[in-house]
All heavy atoms as atom14 arrays in JSON, in Angstrom:
{
  "sequence": "GLLFEEVCASNLVKVSASGEILDDPTGVGINAAGFVIHSAVHAARP",
  "atom14_mask": [
    [1, 1, 1, 1, 0, 0, 0, 0, 0, 0, 0, 0, 0, 0],
    [1, 1, 1, 1, 1, 1, 1, 1, 0, 0, 0, 0, 0, 0],
    [1, 1, 1, 1, 1, 1, 1, 1, 0, 0, 0, 0, 0, 0],
    [1, 1, 1, 1, 1, 1, 1, 1, 1, 1, 1, 0, 0, 0],
    [1, 1, 1, 1, 1, 1, 1, 1, 1, 0, 0, 0, 0, 0],
    [1, 1, 1, 1, 1, 1, 1, 1, 1, 0, 0, 0, 0, 0],
    [1, 1, 1, 1, 1, 1, 1, 0, 0, 0, 0, 0, 0, 0],
    [1, 1, 1, 1, 1, 1, 0, 0, 0, 0, 0, 0, 0, 0],
    [1, 1, 1, 1, 1, 0, 0, 0, 0, 0, 0, 0, 0, 0],
    [1, 1, 1, 1, 1, 1, 0, 0, 0, 0, 0, 0, 0, 0],
    [1, 1, 1, 1, 1, 1, 1, 1, 0, 0, 0, 0, 0, 0],
    [1, 1, 1, 1, 1, 1, 1, 1, 0, 0, 0, 0, 0, 0],
    [1, 1, 1, 1, 1, 1, 1, 0, 0, 0, 0, 0, 0, 0],
    [1, 1, 1, 1, 1, 1, 1, 1, 1, 0, 0, 0, 0, 0],
    [1, 1, 1, 1, 1, 1, 1, 0, 0, 0, 0, 0, 0, 0],
    [1, 1, 1, 1, 1, 1, 0, 0, 0, 0, 0, 0, 0, 0],
    [1, 1, 1, 1, 1, 0, 0, 0, 0, 0, 0, 0, 0, 0],
    [1, 1, 1, 1, 1, 1, 0, 0, 0, 0, 0, 0, 0, 0],
    [1, 1, 1, 1, 0, 0, 0, 0, 0, 0, 0, 0, 0, 0],
    [1, 1, 1, 1, 1, 1, 1, 1, 1, 0, 0, 0, 0, 0],
    [1, 1, 1, 1, 1, 1, 1, 1, 0, 0, 0, 0, 0, 0],
    [1, 1, 1, 1, 1, 1, 1, 1, 0, 0, 0, 0, 0, 0],
    [1, 1, 1, 1, 1, 1, 1, 1, 0, 0, 0, 0, 0, 0],
    [1, 1, 1, 1, 1, 1, 1, 1, 0, 0, 0, 0, 0, 0],
    [1, 1, 1, 1, 1, 1, 1, 0, 0, 0, 0, 0, 0, 0],
    [1, 1, 1, 1, 1, 1, 1, 0, 0, 0, 0, 0, 0, 0],
    [1, 1, 1, 1, 0, 0, 0, 0, 0, 0, 0, 0, 0, 0],
    [1, 1, 1, 1, 1, 1, 1, 0, 0, 0, 0, 0, 0, 0],
    [1, 1, 1, 1, 0, 0, 0, 0, 0, 0, 0, 0, 0, 0],
    [1, 1, 1, 1, 1, 1, 1, 1, 0, 0, 0, 0, 0, 0],
    [1, 1, 1, 1, 1, 1, 1, 1, 0, 0, 0, 0, 0, 0],
    [1, 1, 1, 1, 1, 0, 0, 0, 0, 0, 0, 0, 0, 0],
    [1, 1, 1, 1, 1, 0, 0, 0, 0, 0, 0, 0, 0, 0],
    [1, 1, 1, 1, 0, 0, 0, 0, 0, 0, 0, 0, 0, 0],
    [1, 1, 1, 1, 1, 1, 1, 1, 1, 1, 1, 0, 0, 0],
    [1, 1, 1, 1, 1, 1, 1, 0, 0, 0, 0, 0, 0, 0],
    [1, 1, 1, 1, 1, 1, 1, 1, 0, 0, 0, 0, 0, 0],
    [1, 1, 1, 1, 1, 1, 1, 1, 1, 1, 0, 0, 0, 0],
    [1, 1, 1, 1, 1, 1, 0, 0, 0, 0, 0, 0, 0, 0],
    [1, 1, 1, 1, 1, 0, 0, 0, 0, 0, 0, 0, 0, 0],
    [1, 1, 1, 1, 1, 1, 1, 0, 0, 0, 0, 0, 0, 0],
    [1, 1, 1, 1, 1, 1, 1, 1, 1, 1, 0, 0, 0, 0],
    [1, 1, 1, 1, 1, 0, 0, 0, 0, 0, 0, 0, 0, 0],
    [1, 1, 1, 1, 1, 0, 0, 0, 0, 0, 0, 0, 0, 0],
    [1, 1, 1, 1, 1, 1, 1, 1, 1, 1, 1, 0, 0, 0],
    [1, 1, 1, 1, 1, 1, 1, 0, 0, 0, 0, 0, 0, 0]
  ],
  "atom14_positions": [
    [[-8.78, 4.99, -2.41], [-10.03, 5.7, -2.2], [-9.85, 6.98, -1.41], [-10.8, 7.75, -1.23], [0.0, 0.0, 0.0], [0.0, 0.0, 0.0], [0.0, 0.0, 0.0], [0.0, 0.0, 0.0], [0.0, 0.0, 0.0], [0.0, 0.0, 0.0], [0.0, 0.0, 0.0], [0.0, 0.0, 0.0], [0.0, 0.0, 0.0], [0.0, 0.0, 0.0]],
    [[-8.63, 7.23, -0.96], [-8.33, 8.47, -0.25], [-7.58, 9.43, -1.18], [-6.7, 9.03, -1.92], [-7.46, 8.2, 0.98], [-8.04, 7.35, 2.1], [-7.03, 7.27, 3.24], [-9.36, 7.9, 2.59], [0.0, 0.0, 0.0], [0.0, 0.0, 0.0], [0.0, 0.0, 0.0], [0.0, 0.0, 0.0], [0.0, 0.0, 0.0], [0.0, 0.0, 0.0]],
    [[-7.96, 10.69, -1.13], [-7.17, 11.72, -1.8], [-5.86, 11.89, -1.04], [-5.78, 11.61, 0.16], [-7.94, 13.04, -1.84], [-9.26, 13.05, -2.64], [-9.98, 14.38, -2.43], [-9.0, 12.8, -4.12], [0.0, 0.0, 0.0], [0.0, 0.0, 0.0], [0.0, 0.0, 0.0], [0.0, 0.0, 0.0], [0.0, 0.0, 0.0], [0.0, 0.0, 0.0]],
    [[-4.83, 12.38, -1.72], [-3.54, 12.58, -1.06], [-3.68, 13.5, 0.15], [-2.97, 13.35, 1.14], [-2.53, 13.16, -2.05], [-1.91, 12.13, -2.95], [-2.49, 10.89, -3.17], [-0.71, 12.4, -3.59], [-1.92, 9.95, -4.01], [-0.11, 11.46, -4.44], [-0.72, 10.24, -4.64], [0.0, 0.0, 0.0], [0.0, 0.0, 0.0], [0.0, 0.0, 0.0]],
    [[-4.55, 14.49, 0.06], [-4.71, 15.44, 1.16], [-5.39, 14.81, 2.37], [-5.42, 15.41, 3.45], [-5.52, 16.65, 0.69], [-6.95, 16.32, 0.31], [-7.66, 17.5, -0.35], [-7.0, 18.31, -1.02], [-8.89, 17.59, -0.19], [0.0, 0.0, 0.0], [0.0, 0.0, 0.0], [0.0, 0.0, 0.0], [0.0, 0.0, 0.0], [0.0, 0.0, 0.0]],
    [[-5.91, 13.59, 2.21], [-6.55, 12.88, 3.33], [-5.62, 11.87, 4.0], [-5.95, 11.32, 5.05], [-7.79, 12.14, 2.84], [-8.88, 13.04, 2.3], [-10.06, 12.25, 1.76], [-9.89, 11.47, 0.8], [-11.17, 12.4, 2.32], [0.0, 0.0, 0.0], [0.0, 0.0, 0.0], [0.0, 0.0, 0.0], [0.0, 0.0, 0.0], [0.0, 0.0, 0.0]],
    [[-4.49, 11.61, 3.39], [-3.58, 10.6, 3.93], [-2.91, 11.13, 5.19], [-2.45, 12.27, 5.25], [-2.51, 10.22, 2.89], [-1.47, 9.28, 3.5], [-3.17, 9.56, 1.68], [0.0, 0.0, 0.0], [0.0, 0.0, 0.0], [0.0, 0.0, 0.0], [0.0, 0.0, 0.0], [0.0, 0.0, 0.0], [0.0, 0.0, 0.0], [0.0, 0.0, 0.0]],
    [[-2.87, 10.29, 6.2], [-2.15, 10.62, 7.43], [-1.4, 9.38, 7.91], [-1.57, 8.29, 7.34], [-3.09, 11.14, 8.51], [-4.39, 10.0, 9.01], [0.0, 0.0, 0.0], [0.0, 0.0, 0.0], [0.0, 0.0, 0.0], [0.0, 0.0, 0.0], [0.0, 0.0, 0.0], [0.0, 0.0, 0.0], [0.0, 0.0, 0.0], [0.0, 0.0, 0.0]],
    [[-0.58, 9.53, 8.91], [0.29, 8.45, 9.36], [-0.49, 7.2, 9.75], [-0.05, 6.07, 9.5], [1.14, 8.93, 10.53], [0.0, 0.0, 0.0], [0.0, 0.0, 0.0], [0.0, 0.0, 0.0], [0.0, 0.0, 0.0], [0.0, 0.0, 0.0], [0.0, 0.0, 0.0], [0.0, 0.0, 0.0], [0.0, 0.0, 0.0], [0.0, 0.0, 0.0]],
    [[-1.66, 7.38, 10.33], [-2.4, 6.24, 10.87], [-3.24, 5.48, 9.84], [-3.65, 4.35, 10.1], [-3.31, 6.69, 12.01], [-4.27, 7.63, 11.53], [0.0, 0.0, 0.0], [0.0, 0.0, 0.0], [0.0, 0.0, 0.0], [0.0, 0.0, 0.0], [0.0, 0.0, 0.0], [0.0, 0.0, 0.0], [0.0, 0.0, 0.0], [0.0, 0.0, 0.0]],
    [[-3.52, 6.08, 8.67], [-4.38, 5.37, 7.71], [-3.62, 4.77, 6.53], [-4.22, 4.3, 5.58], [-5.55, 6.25, 7.23], [-5.13, 7.48, 6.46], [-4.06, 7.52, 5.85], [-5.98, 8.51, 6.49], [0.0, 0.0, 0.0], [0.0, 0.0, 0.0], [0.0, 0.0, 0.0], [0.0, 0.0, 0.0], [0.0, 0.0, 0.0], [0.0, 0.0, 0.0]],
    [[-2.3, 4.76, 6.61], [-1.5, 4.08, 5.59], [-1.65, 2.57, 5.75], [-1.77, 2.06, 6.86], [-0.03, 4.47, 5.72], [0.29, 5.91, 5.3], [1.61, 6.37, 5.9], [0.32, 6.03, 3.78], [0.0, 0.0, 0.0], [0.0, 0.0, 0.0], [0.0, 0.0, 0.0], [0.0, 0.0, 0.0], [0.0, 0.0, 0.0], [0.0, 0.0, 0.0]],
    [[-1.64, 1.87, 4.62], [-1.85, 0.41, 4.62], [-0.49, -0.3, 4.59], [0.38, 0.06, 3.8], [-2.69, -0.01, 3.39], [-2.91, -1.53, 3.39], [-4.03, 0.73, 3.4], [0.0, 0.0, 0.0], [0.0, 0.0, 0.0], [0.0, 0.0, 0.0], [0.0, 0.0, 0.0], [0.0, 0.0, 0.0], [0.0, 0.0, 0.0], [0.0, 0.0, 0.0]],
    [[-0.33, -1.31, 5.44], [0.9, -2.1, 5.46], [0.71, -3.34, 4.58], [-0.27, -4.07, 4.74], [1.26, -2.53, 6.88], [2.61, -3.22, 7.0], [2.85, -3.8, 8.4], [2.83, -2.71, 9.44], [3.19, -3.28, 10.79], [0.0, 0.0, 0.0], [0.0, 0.0, 0.0], [0.0, 0.0, 0.0], [0.0, 0.0, 0.0], [0.0, 0.0, 0.0]],
    [[1.64, -3.53, 3.65], [1.53, -4.59, 2.65], [2.8, -5.45, 2.67], [3.91, -4.93, 2.86], [1.34, -4.0, 1.24], [1.07, -5.09, 0.22], [0.22, -2.98, 1.22], [0.0, 0.0, 0.0], [0.0, 0.0, 0.0], [0.0, 0.0, 0.0], [0.0, 0.0, 0.0], [0.0, 0.0, 0.0], [0.0, 0.0, 0.0], [0.0, 0.0, 0.0]],
    [[2.64, -6.75, 2.45], [3.8, -7.64, 2.35], [4.35, -7.61, 0.93], [3.7, -7.12, 0.0], [3.42, -9.06, 2.74], [2.65, -9.66, 1.69], [0.0, 0.0, 0.0], [0.0, 0.0, 0.0], [0.0, 0.0, 0.0], [0.0, 0.0, 0.0], [0.0, 0.0, 0.0], [0.0, 0.0, 0.0], [0.0, 0.0, 0.0], [0.0, 0.0, 0.0]],
    [[5.53, -8.2, 0.76], [6.15, -8.24, -0.57], [5.31, -9.03, -1.56], [5.38, -8.82, -2.77], [7.54, -8.84, -0.47], [0.0, 0.0, 0.0], [0.0, 0.0, 0.0], [0.0, 0.0, 0.0], [0.0, 0.0, 0.0], [0.0, 0.0, 0.0], [0.0, 0.0, 0.0], [0.0, 0.0, 0.0], [0.0, 0.0, 0.0], [0.0, 0.0, 0.0]],
    [[4.49, -9.95, -1.07], [3.65, -10.77, -1.94], [2.27, -10.15, -2.2], [1.47, -10.71, -2.94], [3.47, -12.16, -1.33], [2.79, -12.07, -0.08], [0.0, 0.0, 0.0], [0.0, 0.0, 0.0], [0.0, 0.0, 0.0], [0.0, 0.0, 0.0], [0.0, 0.0, 0.0], [0.0, 0.0, 0.0], [0.0, 0.0, 0.0], [0.0, 0.0, 0.0]],
    [[2.0, -9.02, -1.57], [0.73, -8.35, -1.8], [-0.32, -8.58, -0.73], [-1.43, -8.08, -0.83], [0.0, 0.0, 0.0], [0.0, 0.0, 0.0], [0.0, 0.0, 0.0], [0.0, 0.0, 0.0], [0.0, 0.0, 0.0], [0.0, 0.0, 0.0], [0.0, 0.0, 0.0], [0.0, 0.0, 0.0], [0.0, 0.0, 0.0], [0.0, 0.0, 0.0]],
    [[0.04, -9.29, 0.31], [-0.91, -9.54, 1.41], [-1.05, -8.27, 2.24], [-0.06, -7.65, 2.63], [-0.41, -10.67, 2.29], [-1.3, -10.96, 3.48], [-0.72, -11.99, 4.42], [0.43, -12.45, 4.17], [-1.38, -12.32, 5.42], [0.0, 0.0, 0.0], [0.0, 0.0, 0.0], [0.0, 0.0, 0.0], [0.0, 0.0, 0.0], [0.0, 0.0, 0.0]],
    [[-2.29, -7.88, 2.49], [-2.54, -6.71, 3.33], [-2.4, -7.12, 4.78], [-3.15, -7.97, 5.28], [-3.93, -6.12, 3.04], [-3.97, -5.56, 1.62], [-4.26, -5.03, 4.05], [-5.3, -4.98, 1.21], [0.0, 0.0, 0.0], [0.0, 0.0, 0.0], [0.0, 0.0, 0.0], [0.0, 0.0, 0.0], [0.0, 0.0, 0.0], [0.0, 0.0, 0.0]],
    [[-1.44, -6.54, 5.47], [-1.14, -6.9, 6.85], [-1.86, -6.01, 7.85], [-2.14, -6.43, 8.96], [0.38, -6.82, 7.08], [1.23, -7.67, 6.13], [2.72, -7.41, 6.38], [0.91, -9.15, 6.3], [0.0, 0.0, 0.0], [0.0, 0.0, 0.0], [0.0, 0.0, 0.0], [0.0, 0.0, 0.0], [0.0, 0.0, 0.0], [0.0, 0.0, 0.0]],
    [[-2.13, -4.77, 7.44], [-2.82, -3.83, 8.32], [-3.47, -2.76, 7.47], [-2.78, -2.05, 6.72], [-1.84, -3.2, 9.31], [-2.53, -2.2, 10.24], [-3.71, -2.4, 10.57], [-1.87, -1.21, 10.63], [0.0, 0.0, 0.0], [0.0, 0.0, 0.0], [0.0, 0.0, 0.0], [0.0, 0.0, 0.0], [0.0, 0.0, 0.0], [0.0, 0.0, 0.0]],
    [[-4.79, -2.66, 7.55], [-5.52, -1.67, 6.75], [-6.56, -0.99, 7.64], [-7.69, -1.47, 7.79], [-6.22, -2.34, 5.56], [-7.0, -1.35, 4.71], [-6.92, -0.14, 4.98], [-7.69, -1.78, 3.77], [0.0, 0.0, 0.0], [0.0, 0.0, 0.0], [0.0, 0.0, 0.0], [0.0, 0.0, 0.0], [0.0, 0.0, 0.0], [0.0, 0.0, 0.0]],
    [[-6.2, 0.13, 8.26], [-7.13, 0.82, 9.16], [-8.39, 1.3, 8.46], [-9.42, 1.51, 9.11], [-6.29, 2.01, 9.66], [-4.87, 1.62, 9.43], [-4.89, 0.78, 8.19], [0.0, 0.0, 0.0], [0.0, 0.0, 0.0], [0.0, 0.0, 0.0], [0.0, 0.0, 0.0], [0.0, 0.0, 0.0], [0.0, 0.0, 0.0], [0.0, 0.0, 0.0]],
    [[-8.34, 1.47, 7.13], [-9.49, 2.01, 6.4], [-10.46, 0.92, 5.95], [-11.64, 1.18, 5.73], [-9.03, 2.77, 5.15], [-8.47, 1.85, 4.2], [-8.0, 3.83, 5.51], [0.0, 0.0, 0.0], [0.0, 0.0, 0.0], [0.0, 0.0, 0.0], [0.0, 0.0, 0.0], [0.0, 0.0, 0.0], [0.0, 0.0, 0.0], [0.0, 0.0, 0.0]],
    [[-9.95, -0.28, 5.73], [-10.78, -1.37, 5.26], [-11.11, -1.33, 3.78], [-11.9, -2.14, 3.3], [0.0, 0.0, 0.0], [0.0, 0.0, 0.0], [0.0, 0.0, 0.0], [0.0, 0.0, 0.0], [0.0, 0.0, 0.0], [0.0, 0.0, 0.0], [0.0, 0.0, 0.0], [0.0, 0.0, 0.0], [0.0, 0.0, 0.0], [0.0, 0.0, 0.0]],
    [[-10.48, -0.42, 3.02], [-10.82, -0.29, 1.6], [-9.79, -0.94, 0.69], [-10.01, -1.04, -0.52], [-11.01, 1.19, 1.2], [-12.14, 1.81, 2.0], [-9.72, 1.99, 1.37], [0.0, 0.0, 0.0], [0.0, 0.0, 0.0], [0.0, 0.0, 0.0], [0.0, 0.0, 0.0], [0.0, 0.0, 0.0], [0.0, 0.0, 0.0], [0.0, 0.0, 0.0]],
    [[-8.65, -1.36, 1.21], [-7.66, -2.06, 0.4], [-6.76, -1.12, -0.38], [-6.72, 0.09, -0.14], [0.0, 0.0, 0.0], [0.0, 0.0, 0.0], [0.0, 0.0, 0.0], [0.0, 0.0, 0.0], [0.0, 0.0, 0.0], [0.0, 0.0, 0.0], [0.0, 0.0, 0.0], [0.0, 0.0, 0.0], [0.0, 0.0, 0.0], [0.0, 0.0, 0.0]],
    [[-6.04, -1.69, -1.36], [-5.07, -0.93, -2.15], [-5.34, -1.12, -3.64], [-6.06, -2.03, -4.03], [-3.63, -1.36, -1.83], [-3.43, -2.85, -2.16], [-3.28, -1.06, -0.38], [-2.0, -3.33, -2.07], [0.0, 0.0, 0.0], [0.0, 0.0, 0.0], [0.0, 0.0, 0.0], [0.0, 0.0, 0.0], [0.0, 0.0, 0.0], [0.0, 0.0, 0.0]],
    [[-4.73, -0.29, -4.44], [-4.83, -0.37, -5.89], [-3.85, -1.43, -6.4], [-2.64, -1.33, -6.13], [-4.52, 1.0, -6.5], [-4.71, 1.03, -8.0], [-4.77, 0.01, -8.66], [-4.8, 2.23, -8.55], [0.0, 0.0, 0.0], [0.0, 0.0, 0.0], [0.0, 0.0, 0.0], [0.0, 0.0, 0.0], [0.0, 0.0, 0.0], [0.0, 0.0, 0.0]],
    [[-4.33, -2.41, -7.14], [-3.47, -3.5, -7.63], [-2.33, -2.97, -8.5], [-1.19, -3.43, -8.4], [-4.3, -4.51, -8.41], [0.0, 0.0, 0.0], [0.0, 0.0, 0.0], [0.0, 0.0, 0.0], [0.0, 0.0, 0.0], [0.0, 0.0, 0.0], [0.0, 0.0, 0.0], [0.0, 0.0, 0.0], [0.0, 0.0, 0.0], [0.0, 0.0, 0.0]],
    [[-2.62, -2.0, -9.35], [-1.58, -1.44, -10.22], [-0.5, -0.74, -9.39], [0.69, -0.81, -9.71], [-2.19, -0.47, -11.23], [0.0, 0.0, 0.0], [0.0, 0.0, 0.0], [0.0, 0.0, 0.0], [0.0, 0.0, 0.0], [0.0, 0.0, 0.0], [0.0, 0.0, 0.0], [0.0, 0.0, 0.0], [0.0, 0.0, 0.0], [0.0, 0.0, 0.0]],
    [[-0.92, -0.08, -8.33], [0.05, 0.56, -7.46], [0.96, -0.45, -6.8], [2.17, -0.24, -6.69], [0.0, 0.0, 0.0], [0.0, 0.0, 0.0], [0.0, 0.0, 0.0], [0.0, 0.0, 0.0], [0.0, 0.0, 0.0], [0.0, 0.0, 0.0], [0.0, 0.0, 0.0], [0.0, 0.0, 0.0], [0.0, 0.0, 0.0], [0.0, 0.0, 0.0]],
    [[0.39, -1.57, -6.39], [1.22, -2.62, -5.77], [2.24, -3.16, -6.75], [3.41, -3.35, -6.4], [0.34, -3.77, -5.25], [1.16, -4.94, -4.82], [1.83, -4.95, -3.61], [1.3, -6.05, -5.66], [2.62, -6.01, -3.23], [2.08, -7.13, -5.28], [2.74, -7.11, -4.07], [0.0, 0.0, 0.0], [0.0, 0.0, 0.0], [0.0, 0.0, 0.0]],
    [[1.83, -3.41, -7.98], [2.75, -3.98, -8.97], [3.97, -3.08, -9.17], [5.12, -3.53, -9.11], [2.02, -4.21, -10.31], [3.03, -4.53, -11.43], [1.02, -5.34, -10.19], [0.0, 0.0, 0.0], [0.0, 0.0, 0.0], [0.0, 0.0, 0.0], [0.0, 0.0, 0.0], [0.0, 0.0, 0.0], [0.0, 0.0, 0.0], [0.0, 0.0, 0.0]],
    [[3.74, -1.82, -9.39], [4.85, -0.89, -9.66], [5.75, -0.74, -8.45], [6.98, -0.86, -8.54], [4.29, 0.47, -10.11], [3.62, 0.34, -11.49], [5.41, 1.52, -10.14], [2.86, 1.58, -11.92], [0.0, 0.0, 0.0], [0.0, 0.0, 0.0], [0.0, 0.0, 0.0], [0.0, 0.0, 0.0], [0.0, 0.0, 0.0], [0.0, 0.0, 0.0]],
    [[5.17, -0.5, -7.3], [5.97, -0.21, -6.11], [6.66, -1.46, -5.57], [7.82, -1.38, -5.13], [5.1, 0.46, -5.05], [4.72, 1.85, -5.44], [5.28, 2.98, -4.88], [3.83, 2.31, -6.37], [4.77, 4.04, -5.43], [3.88, 3.66, -6.34], [0.0, 0.0, 0.0], [0.0, 0.0, 0.0], [0.0, 0.0, 0.0], [0.0, 0.0, 0.0]],
    [[5.99, -2.59, -5.6], [6.63, -3.81, -5.11], [7.8, -4.2, -5.99], [8.79, -4.77, -5.51], [5.62, -4.96, -5.04], [5.12, -5.3, -6.33], [0.0, 0.0, 0.0], [0.0, 0.0, 0.0], [0.0, 0.0, 0.0], [0.0, 0.0, 0.0], [0.0, 0.0, 0.0], [0.0, 0.0, 0.0], [0.0, 0.0, 0.0], [0.0, 0.0, 0.0]],
    [[7.72, -3.9, -7.29], [8.83, -4.21, -8.2], [10.09, -3.49, -7.78], [11.18, -4.08, -7.74], [8.45, -3.82, -9.63], [0.0, 0.0, 0.0], [0.0, 0.0, 0.0], [0.0, 0.0, 0.0], [0.0, 0.0, 0.0], [0.0, 0.0, 0.0], [0.0, 0.0, 0.0], [0.0, 0.0, 0.0], [0.0, 0.0, 0.0], [0.0, 0.0, 0.0]],
    [[9.96, -2.22, -7.44], [11.14, -1.43, -7.07], [11.65, -1.84, -5.69], [12.85, -2.04, -5.49], [10.82, 0.08, -7.1], [12.05, 0.89, -6.7], [10.33, 0.49, -8.48], [0.0, 0.0, 0.0], [0.0, 0.0, 0.0], [0.0, 0.0, 0.0], [0.0, 0.0, 0.0], [0.0, 0.0, 0.0], [0.0, 0.0, 0.0], [0.0, 0.0, 0.0]],
    [[10.75, -2.0, -4.73], [11.18, -2.37, -3.38], [11.88, -3.72, -3.36], [12.86, -3.92, -2.64], [9.99, -2.37, -2.43], [9.52, -1.01, -2.04], [10.31, -0.11, -1.36], [8.33, -0.38, -2.26], [9.64, 1.02, -1.16], [8.43, 0.88, -1.7], [0.0, 0.0, 0.0], [0.0, 0.0, 0.0], [0.0, 0.0, 0.0], [0.0, 0.0, 0.0]],
    [[11.41, -4.66, -4.16], [12.02, -5.99, -4.19], [13.39, -5.97, -4.84], [14.3, -6.69, -4.41], [11.1, -6.97, -4.93], [0.0, 0.0, 0.0], [0.0, 0.0, 0.0], [0.0, 0.0, 0.0], [0.0, 0.0, 0.0], [0.0, 0.0, 0.0], [0.0, 0.0, 0.0], [0.0, 0.0, 0.0], [0.0, 0.0, 0.0], [0.0, 0.0, 0.0]],
    [[13.55, -5.15, -5.87], [14.8, -5.14, -6.62], [15.86, -4.21, -6.04], [17.05, -4.4, -6.3], [14.52, -4.73, -8.07], [0.0, 0.0, 0.0], [0.0, 0.0, 0.0], [0.0, 0.0, 0.0], [0.0, 0.0, 0.0], [0.0, 0.0, 0.0], [0.0, 0.0, 0.0], [0.0, 0.0, 0.0], [0.0, 0.0, 0.0], [0.0, 0.0, 0.0]],
    [[15.43, -3.24, -5.26], [16.36, -2.2, -4.78], [16.32, -2.08, -3.26], [15.6, -1.24, -2.71], [16.01, -0.87, -5.43], [16.23, -0.82, -6.95], [17.68, -0.62, -7.29], [18.18, 0.61, -6.71], [18.06, 1.82, -7.27], [17.44, 1.95, -8.45], [18.53, 2.89, -6.67], [0.0, 0.0, 0.0], [0.0, 0.0, 0.0], [0.0, 0.0, 0.0]],
    [[17.1, -2.9, -2.54], [17.12, -2.79, -1.08], [17.64, -1.45, -0.58], [17.42, -1.1, 0.59], [18.03, -3.94, -0.65], [18.83, -4.29, -1.86], [17.95, -3.99, -3.04], [0.0, 0.0, 0.0], [0.0, 0.0, 0.0], [0.0, 0.0, 0.0], [0.0, 0.0, 0.0], [0.0, 0.0, 0.0], [0.0, 0.0, 0.0], [0.0, 0.0, 0.0]]
  ]
}
């Protein structure tokens, strides 16, 4: 829900490998499709 130009260090969302939101300063959550793509790479490529 944030434009890229609105992103700053403090409003980034922390997510676990399983998709659990660990810290979300904005309260709006994340895009499910974004999680699928990015978690795939992070899990496979340490």
